[in-house]
Amino acid sequence: LRPTGRPDAQDLFLAGRPGLVEAVLNDVDGEVHLAVSITDDPAAEFQAAHGRFRYFRPDEVEVLQ
């Protein structure tokens, strides 16, 4: 994850951490957002099961191979 622009404090704590894109969403303004679960978070599975994700713009996510 690579938060850009004016990230809030929570996003800054996630900078450089790996994540898994769970969904690609569009809002009413036509903006694209990615629902991301943090892969090295011990509670990630629990959070995802309850539909709780971190949301980022596509330009804030770097593809890892």
C-alpha atoms as a PDB file:
ATOM      1  CA  LEU A   1       0.000   0.000   0.000  1.00  0.00           C
ATOM      2  CA  ARG A   2       1.242   3.453  -0.907  1.00  0.00           C
ATOM      3  CA  PRO A   3      -1.107   6.139   0.486  1.00  0.00           C
ATOM      4  CA  THR A   4      -0.740   9.396  -1.462  1.00  0.00           C
ATOM      5  CA  GLY A   5      -2.271  12.843  -1.538  1.00  0.00           C
ATOM      6  CA  ARG A   6      -3.505  13.734   1.931  1.00  0.00           C
ATOM      7  CA  PRO A   7      -3.590  10.387   3.758  1.00  0.00           C
ATOM      8  CA  ASP A   8      -4.953  10.266   7.270  1.00  0.00           C
ATOM      9  CA  ALA A   9      -2.988   8.822  10.191  1.00  0.00           C
ATOM     10  CA  GLN A  10      -4.512   5.346   9.835  1.00  0.00           C
ATOM     11  CA  ASP A  11      -3.473   5.146   6.183  1.00  0.00           C
ATOM     12  CA  LEU A  12       0.061   6.255   7.038  1.00  0.00           C
ATOM     13  CA  PHE A  13       0.396   3.342   9.480  1.00  0.00           C
ATOM     14  CA  LEU A  14      -0.413   0.984   6.592  1.00  0.00           C
ATOM     15  CA  ALA A  15       2.155   2.403   4.162  1.00  0.00           C
ATOM     16  CA  GLY A  16       4.388  -0.343   2.789  1.00  0.00           C
ATOM     17  CA  ARG A  17       2.291  -3.186   4.193  1.00  0.00           C
ATOM     18  CA  PRO A  18       0.943  -5.949   1.954  1.00  0.00           C
ATOM     19  CA  GLY A  19      -2.758  -6.203   1.290  1.00  0.00           C
ATOM     20  CA  LEU A  20      -5.252  -8.214  -0.687  1.00  0.00           C
ATOM     21  CA  VAL A  21      -7.813  -6.453  -2.890  1.00  0.00           C
ATOM     22  CA  GLU A  22     -11.152  -7.984  -1.915  1.00  0.00           C
ATOM     23  CA  ALA A  23     -13.414  -5.822  -4.106  1.00  0.00           C
ATOM     24  CA  VAL A  24     -13.427  -3.004  -6.632  1.00  0.00           C
ATOM     25  CA  LEU A  25     -16.184  -0.490  -5.906  1.00  0.00           C
ATOM     26  CA  ASN A  26     -17.605   2.615  -7.588  1.00  0.00           C
ATOM     27  CA  ASP A  27     -19.184   5.435  -5.602  1.00  0.00           C
ATOM     28  CA  VAL A  28     -22.030   7.709  -6.749  1.00  0.00           C
ATOM     29  CA  ASP A  29     -19.513  10.215  -8.147  1.00  0.00           C
ATOM     30  CA  GLY A  30     -17.957   7.558 -10.396  1.00  0.00           C
ATOM     31  CA  GLU A  31     -14.765   7.259  -8.339  1.00  0.00           C
ATOM     32  CA  VAL A  32     -13.148   3.819  -8.060  1.00  0.00           C
ATOM     33  CA  HIS A  33     -12.170   2.481  -4.629  1.00  0.00           C
ATOM     34  CA  LEU A  34     -10.461  -0.772  -3.666  1.00  0.00           C
ATOM     35  CA  ALA A  35     -11.596  -2.695  -0.597  1.00  0.00           C
ATOM     36  CA  VAL A  36      -8.359  -4.060   0.875  1.00  0.00           C
ATOM     37  CA  SER A  37      -7.648  -6.489   3.703  1.00  0.00           C
ATOM     38  CA  ILE A  38      -4.205  -6.291   5.293  1.00  0.00           C
ATOM     39  CA  THR A  39      -2.578  -9.695   4.780  1.00  0.00           C
ATOM     40  CA  ASP A  40      -0.186  -9.554   7.743  1.00  0.00           C
ATOM     41  CA  ASP A  41      -2.915  -8.448  10.184  1.00  0.00           C
ATOM     42  CA  PRO A  42      -3.826 -11.261  12.615  1.00  0.00           C
ATOM     43  CA  ALA A  43      -7.445 -10.056  12.594  1.00  0.00           C
ATOM     44  CA  ALA A  44      -7.727  -9.762   8.781  1.00  0.00           C
ATOM     45  CA  GLU A  45      -9.860 -12.891   8.395  1.00  0.00           C
ATOM     46  CA  PHE A  46     -12.216 -11.765  11.164  1.00  0.00           C
ATOM     47  CA  GLN A  47     -12.493  -8.260   9.675  1.00  0.00           C
ATOM     48  CA  ALA A  48     -13.163  -9.602   6.155  1.00  0.00           C
ATOM     49  CA  ALA A  49     -15.819 -11.998   7.468  1.00  0.00           C
ATOM     50  CA  HIS A  50     -17.687  -8.967   8.813  1.00  0.00           C
ATOM     51  CA  GLY A  51     -17.205  -6.929   5.637  1.00  0.00           C
ATOM     52  CA  ARG A  52     -14.717  -4.533   7.192  1.00  0.00           C
ATOM     53  CA  PHE A  53     -12.000  -3.397   4.826  1.00  0.00           C
ATOM     54  CA  ARG A  54      -9.602  -0.500   4.310  1.00  0.00           C
ATOM     55  CA  TYR A  55     -10.422   1.576   1.252  1.00  0.00           C
ATOM     56  CA  PHE A  56      -7.833   2.983  -1.140  1.00  0.00           C
ATOM     57  CA  ARG A  57      -7.771   4.579  -4.570  1.00  0.00           C
ATOM     58  CA  PRO A  58      -6.177   2.470  -7.322  1.00  0.00           C
ATOM     59  CA  ASP A  59      -3.153   4.788  -7.472  1.00  0.00           C
ATOM     60  CA  GLU A  60      -2.426   4.036  -3.798  1.00  0.00           C
ATOM     61  CA  VAL A  61      -1.924   0.321  -4.410  1.00  0.00           C
ATOM     62  CA  GLU A  62       1.236  -1.214  -5.842  1.00  0.00           C
ATOM     63  CA  VAL A  63       0.988  -4.667  -7.420  1.00  0.00           C
ATOM     64  CA  LEU A  64       3.325  -7.288  -5.906  1.00  0.00           C
ATOM     65  CA  GLN A  65       4.294 -10.386  -7.798  1.00  0.00           C
END
